[in-house]
C-alpha atoms as a PDB file:
ATOM      1  CA  MET A   1     -44.062  -7.226 101.200  1.00  0.00           C
ATOM      2  CA  ASP A   2     -44.810 -10.759 102.319  1.00  0.00           C
ATOM      3  CA  ASP A   3     -46.915 -13.732 101.312  1.00  0.00           C
ATOM      4  CA  SER A   4     -48.544 -13.995 104.743  1.00  0.00           C
ATOM      5  CA  ARG A   5     -51.083 -11.346 105.712  1.00  0.00           C
ATOM      6  CA  THR A   6     -50.292 -12.022 109.349  1.00  0.00           C
ATOM      7  CA  VAL A   7     -46.582 -11.410 108.825  1.00  0.00           C
ATOM      8  CA  ILE A   8     -47.398  -8.281 106.804  1.00  0.00           C
ATOM      9  CA  ALA A   9     -49.559  -6.968 109.622  1.00  0.00           C
ATOM     10  CA  VAL A  10     -47.020  -7.784 112.332  1.00  0.00           C
ATOM     11  CA  PHE A  11     -43.969  -6.534 110.470  1.00  0.00           C
ATOM     12  CA  GLY A  12     -45.851  -3.461 109.279  1.00  0.00           C
ATOM     13  CA  ALA A  13     -46.898  -2.671 112.840  1.00  0.00           C
ATOM     14  CA  ARG A  14     -43.272  -2.931 113.972  1.00  0.00           C
ATOM     15  CA  LEU A  15     -42.183  -0.474 111.306  1.00  0.00           C
ATOM     16  CA  VAL A  16     -45.019   1.942 112.041  1.00  0.00           C
ATOM     17  CA  ALA A  17     -44.016   1.840 115.712  1.00  0.00           C
ATOM     18  CA  LEU A  18     -40.538   2.921 114.648  1.00  0.00           C
ATOM     19  CA  GLY A  19     -42.014   5.906 112.819  1.00  0.00           C
ATOM     20  CA  TYR A  20     -42.106   4.634 109.240  1.00  0.00           C
ATOM     21  CA  GLU A  21     -44.991   4.836 106.767  1.00  0.00           C
ATOM     22  CA  VAL A  22     -45.755   1.410 105.302  1.00  0.00           C
ATOM     23  CA  VAL A  23     -47.304   0.369 101.970  1.00  0.00           C
ATOM     24  CA  ALA A  24     -47.983  -3.377 101.931  1.00  0.00           C
ATOM     25  CA  ALA A  25     -48.276  -5.796  99.001  1.00  0.00           C
ATOM     26  CA  GLU A  26     -49.517  -9.379  99.151  1.00  0.00           C
ATOM     27  CA  ASN A  27     -47.287 -10.734  96.360  1.00  0.00           C
ATOM     28  CA  GLY A  28     -44.364  -9.839  94.116  1.00  0.00           C
ATOM     29  CA  GLN A  29     -46.445  -8.642  91.203  1.00  0.00           C
ATOM     30  CA  VAL A  30     -48.435  -6.263  93.388  1.00  0.00           C
ATOM     31  CA  ALA A  31     -45.162  -5.184  94.994  1.00  0.00           C
ATOM     32  CA  VAL A  32     -43.760  -4.053  91.650  1.00  0.00           C
ATOM     33  CA  GLU A  33     -46.988  -2.226  90.797  1.00  0.00           C
ATOM     34  CA  ARG A  34     -47.061  -0.421  94.145  1.00  0.00           C
ATOM     35  CA  PHE A  35     -43.391   0.405  93.872  1.00  0.00           C
ATOM     36  CA  GLN A  36     -44.096   2.204  90.601  1.00  0.00           C
ATOM     37  CA  ALA A  37     -47.111   3.966  92.074  1.00  0.00           C
ATOM     38  CA  SER A  38     -45.668   5.076  95.414  1.00  0.00           C
ATOM     39  CA  ALA A  39     -41.889   5.416  94.790  1.00  0.00           C
ATOM     40  CA  PRO A  40     -40.852   4.319  98.302  1.00  0.00           C
ATOM     41  CA  ASP A  41     -37.545   5.160  99.987  1.00  0.00           C
ATOM     42  CA  LEU A  42     -36.972   1.535 101.014  1.00  0.00           C
ATOM     43  CA  VAL A  43     -38.273  -1.904 100.012  1.00  0.00           C
ATOM     44  CA  LEU A  44     -38.507  -4.879 102.399  1.00  0.00           C
ATOM     45  CA  MET A  45     -39.119  -7.944 100.245  1.00  0.00           C
ATOM     46  CA  ASP A  46     -39.950 -11.510 101.250  1.00  0.00           C
ATOM     47  CA  ILE A  47     -38.198 -14.159  99.162  1.00  0.00           C
ATOM     48  CA  GLU A  48     -41.064 -16.649  99.029  1.00  0.00           C
ATOM     49  CA  MET A  49     -44.287 -15.099  97.687  1.00  0.00           C
ATOM     50  CA  PRO A  50     -47.175 -16.277  95.489  1.00  0.00           C
ATOM     51  CA  VAL A  51     -47.652 -15.123  91.865  1.00  0.00           C
ATOM     52  CA  MET A  52     -44.113 -13.698  91.726  1.00  0.00           C
ATOM     53  CA  GLY A  53     -41.204 -14.413  94.080  1.00  0.00           C
ATOM     54  CA  GLY A  54     -39.080 -11.786  95.762  1.00  0.00           C
ATOM     55  CA  PHE A  55     -36.018 -12.283  93.588  1.00  0.00           C
ATOM     56  CA  GLU A  56     -37.994 -11.771  90.369  1.00  0.00           C
ATOM     57  CA  ALA A  57     -39.837  -8.795  91.867  1.00  0.00           C
ATOM     58  CA  ALA A  58     -36.514  -7.202  92.828  1.00  0.00           C
ATOM     59  CA  GLN A  59     -35.174  -7.710  89.316  1.00  0.00           C
ATOM     60  CA  ARG A  60     -38.268  -6.034  87.875  1.00  0.00           C
ATOM     61  CA  ILE A  61     -37.925  -3.130  90.265  1.00  0.00           C
ATOM     62  CA  ARG A  62     -34.317  -2.673  89.151  1.00  0.00           C
ATOM     63  CA  ALA A  63     -35.489  -2.829  85.520  1.00  0.00           C
ATOM     64  CA  VAL A  64     -38.002  -0.051  86.242  1.00  0.00           C
ATOM     65  CA  GLU A  65     -35.279   2.054  87.840  1.00  0.00           C
ATOM     66  CA  ALA A  66     -33.004   1.489  84.853  1.00  0.00           C
ATOM     67  CA  THR A  67     -35.420   3.586  82.770  1.00  0.00           C
ATOM     68  CA  GLN A  68     -35.146   6.503  85.205  1.00  0.00           C
ATOM     69  CA  GLU A  69     -32.200   8.795  85.735  1.00  0.00           C
ATOM     70  CA  TRP A  70     -30.374   8.524  89.068  1.00  0.00           C
ATOM     71  CA  ALA A  71     -32.938   6.044  90.420  1.00  0.00           C
ATOM     72  CA  TRP A  72     -31.963   3.499  93.065  1.00  0.00           C
ATOM     73  CA  THR A  73     -33.954   2.257  96.055  1.00  0.00           C
ATOM     74  CA  PRO A  74     -32.488   0.085  98.837  1.00  0.00           C
ATOM     75  CA  ILE A  75     -34.004  -3.430  98.926  1.00  0.00           C
ATOM     76  CA  ILE A  76     -33.808  -5.586 102.053  1.00  0.00           C
ATOM     77  CA  PHE A  77     -34.808  -9.232 101.672  1.00  0.00           C
ATOM     78  CA  LEU A  78     -36.776 -10.826 104.500  1.00  0.00           C
ATOM     79  CA  THR A  79     -36.583 -14.546 105.097  1.00  0.00           C
ATOM     80  CA  ALA A  80     -36.896 -17.214 107.720  1.00  0.00           C
ATOM     81  CA  SER A  81     -33.838 -18.962 106.289  1.00  0.00           C
ATOM     82  CA  ASP A  82     -30.674 -16.820 106.132  1.00  0.00           C
ATOM     83  CA  THR A  83     -28.584 -19.382 104.258  1.00  0.00           C
ATOM     84  CA  PRO A  84     -25.467 -18.356 102.274  1.00  0.00           C
ATOM     85  CA  GLU A  85     -27.239 -19.443  99.084  1.00  0.00           C
ATOM     86  CA  ASN A  86     -30.170 -17.113  99.747  1.00  0.00           C
ATOM     87  CA  LEU A  87     -27.813 -14.256 100.541  1.00  0.00           C
ATOM     88  CA  VAL A  88     -25.952 -14.713  97.239  1.00  0.00           C
ATOM     89  CA  MET A  89     -29.201 -14.926  95.258  1.00  0.00           C
ATOM     90  CA  ALA A  90     -30.571 -11.859  97.037  1.00  0.00           C
ATOM     91  CA  ILE A  91     -27.557  -9.738  96.094  1.00  0.00           C
ATOM     92  CA  GLU A  92     -27.553 -11.022  92.506  1.00  0.00           C
ATOM     93  CA  ALA A  93     -31.249 -10.196  92.188  1.00  0.00           C
ATOM     94  CA  GLY A  94     -30.530  -6.577  93.051  1.00  0.00           C
ATOM     95  CA  GLY A  95     -30.953  -6.647  96.809  1.00  0.00           C
ATOM     96  CA  ASP A  96     -28.793  -4.639  99.193  1.00  0.00           C
ATOM     97  CA  ASP A  97     -29.219  -6.398 102.504  1.00  0.00           C
ATOM     98  CA  PHE A  98     -30.682  -9.434 104.225  1.00  0.00           C
ATOM     99  CA  LEU A  99     -32.816  -9.584 107.392  1.00  0.00           C
ATOM    100  CA  ALA A 100     -34.421 -12.450 109.275  1.00  0.00           C
ATOM    101  CA  LYS A 101     -38.135 -11.984 109.937  1.00  0.00           C
ATOM    102  CA  SER A 102     -37.496 -12.904 113.544  1.00  0.00           C
ATOM    103  CA  ALA A 103     -34.804 -10.251 113.986  1.00  0.00           C
ATOM    104  CA  PRO A 104     -35.055  -8.619 117.425  1.00  0.00           C
ATOM    105  CA  GLU A 105     -36.238  -5.029 117.656  1.00  0.00           C
ATOM    106  CA  PRO A 106     -32.765  -3.458 118.146  1.00  0.00           C
ATOM    107  CA  VAL A 107     -31.484  -5.233 114.995  1.00  0.00           C
ATOM    108  CA  LEU A 108     -34.515  -4.149 112.950  1.00  0.00           C
ATOM    109  CA  GLN A 109     -34.163  -0.589 114.186  1.00  0.00           C
ATOM    110  CA  ALA A 110     -30.445  -0.525 113.377  1.00  0.00           C
ATOM    111  CA  LYS A 111     -31.044  -1.885 109.870  1.00  0.00           C
ATOM    112  CA  MET A 112     -33.764   0.679 109.227  1.00  0.00           C
ATOM    113  CA  LYS A 113     -31.594   3.533 110.463  1.00  0.00           C
ATOM    114  CA  ALA A 114     -28.746   2.443 108.207  1.00  0.00           C
ATOM    115  CA  MET A 115     -30.971   2.127 105.146  1.00  0.00           C
ATOM    116  CA  THR A 116     -32.697   5.416 105.941  1.00  0.00           C
ATOM    117  CA  ARG A 117     -29.311   7.154 105.916  1.00  0.00           C
ATOM    118  CA  ILE A 118     -28.478   5.491 102.602  1.00  0.00           C
ATOM    119  CA  ALA A 119     -31.842   6.514 101.142  1.00  0.00           C
ATOM    120  CA  ALA A 120     -31.274  10.121 102.273  1.00  0.00           C
ATOM    121  CA  LEU A 121     -27.803  10.182 100.729  1.00  0.00           C
ATOM    122  CA  ARG A 122     -29.216   8.699  97.550  1.00  0.00           C
ATOM    123  CA  ALA A 123     -31.834  11.473  97.379  1.00  0.00           C
ATOM    124  CA  GLU A 124     -29.163  14.138  97.907  1.00  0.00           C
ATOM    125  CA  LEU A 125     -26.948  12.600  95.236  1.00  0.00           C
ATOM    126  CA  SER A 126     -29.871  12.355  92.827  1.00  0.00           C
ATOM    127  CA  LEU A 127     -30.715  16.030  93.378  1.00  0.00           C
ATOM    128  CA  ALA A 128     -27.072  17.061  92.913  1.00  0.00           C
ATOM    129  CA  ASN A 129     -26.792  15.042  89.705  1.00  0.00           C
ATOM    130  CA  ARG A 130     -29.972  16.581  88.332  1.00  0.00           C
ATOM    131  CA  LYS A 131     -28.655  20.060  89.092  1.00  0.00           C
ATOM    132  CA  LEU A 132     -25.380  19.267  87.363  1.00  0.00           C
ATOM    133  CA  GLU A 133     -27.227  17.873  84.371  1.00  0.00           C
ATOM    134  CA  ALA A 134     -29.388  20.981  84.195  1.00  0.00           C
ATOM    135  CA  LEU A 135     -26.298  23.196  84.309  1.00  0.00           C
ATOM    136  CA  ALA A 136     -24.633  21.125  81.591  1.00  0.00           C
ATOM    137  CA  SER A 137     -27.644  21.550  79.316  1.00  0.00           C
ATOM    138  CA  ARG A 138     -27.876  25.344  79.696  1.00  0.00           C
ATOM    139  CA  ASP A 139     -26.077  28.188  77.995  1.00  0.00           C
ATOM    140  CA  GLY A 140     -24.107  30.116  80.584  1.00  0.00           C
ATOM    141  CA  LEU A 141     -24.986  33.581  79.267  1.00  0.00           C
ATOM    142  CA  THR A 142     -28.674  33.350  78.379  1.00  0.00           C
ATOM    143  CA  GLY A 143     -29.916  30.426  80.460  1.00  0.00           C
ATOM    144  CA  LEU A 144     -31.469  28.856  77.360  1.00  0.00           C
ATOM    145  CA  PHE A 145     -30.702  25.295  76.332  1.00  0.00           C
ATOM    146  CA  ASN A 146     -27.263  25.049  74.753  1.00  0.00           C
ATOM    147  CA  ARG A 147     -26.348  23.578  71.379  1.00  0.00           C
ATOM    148  CA  ARG A 148     -25.401  20.200  72.829  1.00  0.00           C
ATOM    149  CA  HIS A 149     -28.744  19.758  74.564  1.00  0.00           C
ATOM    150  CA  MET A 150     -30.569  21.004  71.512  1.00  0.00           C
ATOM    151  CA  ASP A 151     -28.934  18.380  69.292  1.00  0.00           C
ATOM    152  CA  VAL A 152     -29.825  15.535  71.663  1.00  0.00           C
ATOM    153  CA  ARG A 153     -33.405  16.674  72.226  1.00  0.00           C
ATOM    154  CA  LEU A 154     -33.911  17.514  68.577  1.00  0.00           C
ATOM    155  CA  ASP A 155     -32.782  14.067  67.433  1.00  0.00           C
ATOM    156  CA  HIS A 156     -35.246  12.453  69.848  1.00  0.00           C
ATOM    157  CA  GLN A 157     -38.165  14.662  68.826  1.00  0.00           C
ATOM    158  CA  TRP A 158     -37.400  14.222  65.140  1.00  0.00           C
ATOM    159  CA  ALA A 159     -37.321  10.442  65.475  1.00  0.00           C
ATOM    160  CA  GLU A 160     -40.697  10.515  67.240  1.00  0.00           C
ATOM    161  CA  ALA A 161     -42.176  12.770  64.558  1.00  0.00           C
ATOM    162  CA  VAL A 162     -40.900  10.570  61.724  1.00  0.00           C
ATOM    163  CA  THR A 163     -42.278   7.450  63.412  1.00  0.00           C
ATOM    164  CA  SER A 164     -45.693   8.994  64.031  1.00  0.00           C
ATOM    165  CA  GLY A 165     -45.848  11.034  60.825  1.00  0.00           C
ATOM    166  CA  ALA A 166     -46.319  14.251  62.805  1.00  0.00           C
ATOM    167  CA  SER A 167     -45.599  17.761  61.566  1.00  0.00           C
ATOM    168  CA  PHE A 168     -42.368  19.524  62.415  1.00  0.00           C
ATOM    169  CA  GLY A 169     -41.233  23.129  62.377  1.00  0.00           C
ATOM    170  CA  LEU A 170     -37.921  24.924  62.799  1.00  0.00           C
ATOM    171  CA  LEU A 171     -37.043  28.609  63.127  1.00  0.00           C
ATOM    172  CA  MET A 172     -33.468  29.842  62.788  1.00  0.00           C
ATOM    173  CA  ILE A 173     -32.935  33.305  64.289  1.00  0.00           C
ATOM    174  CA  ASP A 174     -30.178  35.875  63.938  1.00  0.00           C
ATOM    175  CA  VAL A 175     -29.838  39.247  65.689  1.00  0.00           C
ATOM    176  CA  ASP A 176     -29.636  41.912  63.003  1.00  0.00           C
ATOM    177  CA  HIS A 177     -26.255  43.664  62.689  1.00  0.00           C
ATOM    178  CA  PHE A 178     -25.103  42.332  66.038  1.00  0.00           C
ATOM    179  CA  LYS A 179     -21.415  42.841  65.275  1.00  0.00           C
ATOM    180  CA  LYS A 180     -22.120  46.517  64.661  1.00  0.00           C
ATOM    181  CA  TYR A 181     -24.053  46.600  67.940  1.00  0.00           C
ATOM    182  CA  ASN A 182     -21.066  45.219  69.847  1.00  0.00           C
ATOM    183  CA  ASP A 183     -18.685  47.589  68.068  1.00  0.00           C
ATOM    184  CA  ARG A 184     -20.760  50.631  69.008  1.00  0.00           C
ATOM    185  CA  TYR A 185     -22.084  49.735  72.486  1.00  0.00           C
ATOM    186  CA  GLY A 186     -19.509  47.257  73.760  1.00  0.00           C
ATOM    187  CA  HIS A 187     -19.583  43.570  74.561  1.00  0.00           C
ATOM    188  CA  LEU A 188     -21.145  43.985  77.994  1.00  0.00           C
ATOM    189  CA  ALA A 189     -24.101  45.727  76.396  1.00  0.00           C
ATOM    190  CA  GLY A 190     -24.098  42.976  73.785  1.00  0.00           C
ATOM    191  CA  ASP A 191     -24.387  40.359  76.532  1.00  0.00           C
ATOM    192  CA  ASP A 192     -27.294  42.248  78.101  1.00  0.00           C
ATOM    193  CA  CYS A 193     -28.942  42.443  74.701  1.00  0.00           C
ATOM    194  CA  LEU A 194     -28.684  38.683  74.147  1.00  0.00           C
ATOM    195  CA  ARG A 195     -30.070  37.980  77.611  1.00  0.00           C
ATOM    196  CA  ALA A 196     -33.056  40.240  76.959  1.00  0.00           C
ATOM    197  CA  ILE A 197     -33.757  38.547  73.630  1.00  0.00           C
ATOM    198  CA  ALA A 198     -33.397  35.101  75.220  1.00  0.00           C
ATOM    199  CA  SER A 199     -35.965  36.047  77.859  1.00  0.00           C
ATOM    200  CA  VAL A 200     -38.438  37.065  75.168  1.00  0.00           C
ATOM    201  CA  LEU A 201     -37.865  33.828  73.262  1.00  0.00           C
ATOM    202  CA  ALA A 202     -38.286  31.680  76.369  1.00  0.00           C
ATOM    203  CA  THR A 203     -41.469  33.477  77.425  1.00  0.00           C
ATOM    204  CA  THR A 204     -42.974  33.228  73.948  1.00  0.00           C
ATOM    205  CA  ILE A 205     -42.322  29.488  73.710  1.00  0.00           C
ATOM    206  CA  ASP A 206     -43.638  28.853  77.220  1.00  0.00           C
ATOM    207  CA  GLU A 207     -46.831  30.684  76.309  1.00  0.00           C
ATOM    208  CA  ALA A 208     -47.087  28.833  72.988  1.00  0.00           C
ATOM    209  CA  ASN A 209     -46.839  25.479  74.771  1.00  0.00           C
ATOM    210  CA  ALA A 210     -49.286  26.547  77.488  1.00  0.00           C
ATOM    211  CA  GLY A 211     -51.752  27.839  74.899  1.00  0.00           C
ATOM    212  CA  ARG A 212     -51.339  24.694  72.794  1.00  0.00           C
ATOM    213  CA  LEU A 213     -50.101  26.569  69.765  1.00  0.00           C
ATOM    214  CA  ALA A 214     -47.225  24.100  70.007  1.00  0.00           C
ATOM    215  CA  ARG A 215     -46.421  20.912  71.898  1.00  0.00           C
ATOM    216  CA  ASP A 216     -42.997  20.358  73.460  1.00  0.00           C
ATOM    217  CA  ALA A 217     -41.534  23.343  71.593  1.00  0.00           C
ATOM    218  CA  PHE A 218     -38.248  24.679  72.937  1.00  0.00           C
ATOM    219  CA  VAL A 219     -35.688  27.360  72.222  1.00  0.00           C
ATOM    220  CA  ALA A 220     -31.903  27.078  72.305  1.00  0.00           C
ATOM    221  CA  ARG A 221     -28.913  29.292  71.756  1.00  0.00           C
ATOM    222  CA  TYR A 222     -27.442  27.969  68.535  1.00  0.00           C
ATOM    223  CA  GLY A 223     -24.235  29.944  68.819  1.00  0.00           C
ATOM    224  CA  GLY A 224     -23.119  33.562  69.095  1.00  0.00           C
ATOM    225  CA  GLU A 225     -26.107  35.765  68.269  1.00  0.00           C
ATOM    226  CA  GLU A 226     -28.038  32.883  66.694  1.00  0.00           C
ATOM    227  CA  PHE A 227     -30.978  31.053  68.251  1.00  0.00           C
ATOM    228  CA  SER A 228     -33.199  28.158  67.222  1.00  0.00           C
ATOM    229  CA  ILE A 229     -36.813  27.401  67.986  1.00  0.00           C
ATOM    230  CA  VAL A 230     -37.908  23.793  67.531  1.00  0.00           C
ATOM    231  CA  LEU A 231     -41.631  23.240  67.045  1.00  0.00           C
ATOM    232  CA  PRO A 232     -42.678  19.578  66.856  1.00  0.00           C
ATOM    233  CA  ARG A 233     -46.348  18.809  66.186  1.00  0.00           C
ATOM    234  CA  CYS A 234     -47.063  22.427  65.331  1.00  0.00           C
ATOM    235  CA  SER A 235     -49.185  23.666  62.427  1.00  0.00           C
ATOM    236  CA  ARG A 236     -47.743  26.025  59.848  1.00  0.00           C
ATOM    237  CA  GLU A 237     -50.175  28.739  60.918  1.00  0.00           C
ATOM    238  CA  ALA A 238     -49.175  28.372  64.571  1.00  0.00           C
ATOM    239  CA  GLN A 239     -45.478  28.454  63.659  1.00  0.00           C
ATOM    240  CA  ALA A 240     -45.987  31.668  61.690  1.00  0.00           C
ATOM    241  CA  GLN A 241     -47.855  33.141  64.651  1.00  0.00           C
ATOM    242  CA  VAL A 242     -45.001  32.270  67.013  1.00  0.00           C
ATOM    243  CA  ALA A 243     -42.502  33.885  64.638  1.00  0.00           C
ATOM    244  CA  ASP A 244     -44.570  37.076  64.377  1.00  0.00           C
ATOM    245  CA  VAL A 245     -44.917  37.310  68.162  1.00  0.00           C
ATOM    246  CA  VAL A 246     -41.149  36.919  68.601  1.00  0.00           C
ATOM    247  CA  LEU A 247     -40.359  39.587  66.007  1.00  0.00           C
ATOM    248  CA  ALA A 248     -42.782  42.079  67.518  1.00  0.00           C
ATOM    249  CA  ALA A 249     -41.707  41.354  71.096  1.00  0.00           C
ATOM    250  CA  VAL A 250     -37.986  41.812  70.405  1.00  0.00           C
ATOM    251  CA  SER A 251     -38.391  45.048  68.450  1.00  0.00           C
ATOM    252  CA  GLY A 252     -40.847  46.096  71.176  1.00  0.00           C
ATOM    253  CA  LEU A 253     -38.044  45.888  73.732  1.00  0.00           C
ATOM    254  CA  GLY A 254     -36.824  49.134  72.202  1.00  0.00           C
ATOM    255  CA  ILE A 255     -33.142  48.366  72.695  1.00  0.00           C
ATOM    256  CA  PRO A 256     -31.373  51.236  70.891  1.00  0.00           C
ATOM    257  CA  HIS A 257     -29.326  50.227  67.842  1.00  0.00           C
ATOM    258  CA  ALA A 258     -28.067  53.166  65.801  1.00  0.00           C
ATOM    259  CA  ASP A 259     -26.658  50.867  63.093  1.00  0.00           C
ATOM    260  CA  SER A 260     -29.804  48.817  62.465  1.00  0.00           C
ATOM    261  CA  SER A 261     -30.475  49.932  58.881  1.00  0.00           C
ATOM    262  CA  GLY A 262     -32.860  52.705  59.872  1.00  0.00           C
ATOM    263  CA  LEU A 263     -35.035  50.824  62.382  1.00  0.00           C
ATOM    264  CA  GLY A 264     -33.238  52.337  65.366  1.00  0.00           C
ATOM    265  CA  VAL A 265     -33.732  49.361  67.692  1.00  0.00           C
ATOM    266  CA  VAL A 266     -32.492  45.785  67.937  1.00  0.00           C
ATOM    267  CA  SER A 267     -34.394  43.421  65.655  1.00  0.00           C
ATOM    268  CA  LEU A 268     -34.267  39.854  64.384  1.00  0.00           C
ATOM    269  CA  SER A 269     -34.194  38.042  61.085  1.00  0.00           C
ATOM    270  CA  MET A 270     -35.789  34.603  60.994  1.00  0.00           C
ATOM    271  CA  GLY A 271     -35.783  31.703  58.592  1.00  0.00           C
ATOM    272  CA  GLY A 272     -38.454  29.080  59.044  1.00  0.00           C
ATOM    273  CA  VAL A 273     -39.330  25.742  57.529  1.00  0.00           C
ATOM    274  CA  HIS A 274     -42.391  23.600  58.192  1.00  0.00           C
ATOM    275  CA  MET A 275     -42.994  19.985  57.244  1.00  0.00           C
ATOM    276  CA  PRO A 276     -46.614  18.748  57.387  1.00  0.00           C
ATOM    277  CA  ARG A 277     -45.194  15.250  57.840  1.00  0.00           C
ATOM    278  CA  ALA A 278     -41.679  14.627  59.145  1.00  0.00           C
ATOM    279  CA  GLU A 279     -39.610  12.332  56.966  1.00  0.00           C
ATOM    280  CA  GLY A 280     -36.011  11.720  55.997  1.00  0.00           C
ATOM    281  CA  SER A 281     -33.163  13.404  57.866  1.00  0.00           C
ATOM    282  CA  LEU A 282     -32.835  16.694  59.697  1.00  0.00           C
ATOM    283  CA  THR A 283     -30.066  18.047  57.477  1.00  0.00           C
ATOM    284  CA  PRO A 284     -32.323  19.357  54.679  1.00  0.00           C
ATOM    285  CA  LEU A 285     -34.530  21.017  57.296  1.00  0.00           C
ATOM    286  CA  PHE A 286     -31.611  23.067  58.639  1.00  0.00           C
ATOM    287  CA  ARG A 287     -30.337  23.873  55.169  1.00  0.00           C
ATOM    288  CA  GLN A 288     -33.714  25.239  54.130  1.00  0.00           C
ATOM    289  CA  ALA A 289     -34.120  27.219  57.355  1.00  0.00           C
ATOM    290  CA  ASP A 290     -30.652  28.727  56.841  1.00  0.00           C
ATOM    291  CA  ALA A 291     -31.517  29.597  53.248  1.00  0.00           C
ATOM    292  CA  ASN A 292     -34.705  31.310  54.406  1.00  0.00           C
ATOM    293  CA  LEU A 293     -32.773  33.174  57.113  1.00  0.00           C
ATOM    294  CA  TYR A 294     -30.406  34.496  54.442  1.00  0.00           C
ATOM    295  CA  LEU A 295     -33.445  35.531  52.381  1.00  0.00           C
ATOM    296  CA  ALA A 296     -34.922  37.407  55.356  1.00  0.00           C
ATOM    297  CA  LYS A 297     -31.692  39.380  55.702  1.00  0.00           C
ATOM    298  CA  LYS A 298     -31.563  40.038  51.975  1.00  0.00           C
ATOM    299  CA  ASN A 299     -35.150  41.279  51.966  1.00  0.00           C
ATOM    300  CA  GLY A 300     -34.554  43.939  54.627  1.00  0.00           C
ATOM    301  CA  ARG A 301     -34.230  42.168  57.986  1.00  0.00           C
ATOM    302  CA  ASN A 302     -36.659  42.421  60.923  1.00  0.00           C
ATOM    303  CA  ARG A 303     -38.772  39.794  59.172  1.00  0.00           C
ATOM    304  CA  VAL A 304     -39.380  36.074  58.804  1.00  0.00           C
ATOM    305  CA  GLU A 305     -39.209  34.049  55.613  1.00  0.00           C
ATOM    306  CA  MET A 306     -40.844  30.619  55.719  1.00  0.00           C
ATOM    307  CA  SER A 307     -41.264  27.691  53.391  1.00  0.00           C
END
């Protein structure tokens, strides 16, 4: 990224000869735009450029990366004047190294090899961190989102809904007579039962999102045999449809349950609440969903009660 088209062409040709793919930019502003568009593994930035200088462009690139998880791209500053002052300013602007434009081929090649190794390690670290984050957000038994992740995501979605005045739905779910199920069939069977139910819930929500019954809906294990389905920007009719599909799908699994109040198979009770326009805090939403869940149990289980 250089202010001189000639230097861009020459330096780009040198890099291509070394086996690198090059995306050029004629000034700092274009450099930032192309960085966002192409997500390069390495940035070579001239200090002196029209429209926006290299130091400011580097700072903006670092600001872009600050909004992304695990993002960091090596930046090498190119200059004809490798003074101590320029080196200090380059590092403070977010740069990682310094290279004279007139650097001989072996030096350029060595720098590129070093930065390529760093970029590869950065990619591996980013992937490992994402995997760890994914594991930390998932329930170990069912693979659904865990309570911690649910709380964080729910707070974010609720804030967005309140700001935009969008609708919001919540379903609280409990496996009917699950303690009796564990007592009769054992905890290993109970674990298998929860995994089967979780699979049904996940599939139903994926299909609801894909079919646009809901947008950004997700399901989480709330705790024990309890689950939650969060349905932002979802109509009341669509929420009721999702609940009916879940009820039918779980009872349709046909998991035997001799103590299920006459039904004979594992079933769910669900309490739902829908707000045409999100406002206030989440606490009343959960209280009402819990109250409706209790009502579903009182009214015979294997049903949903919504308000």
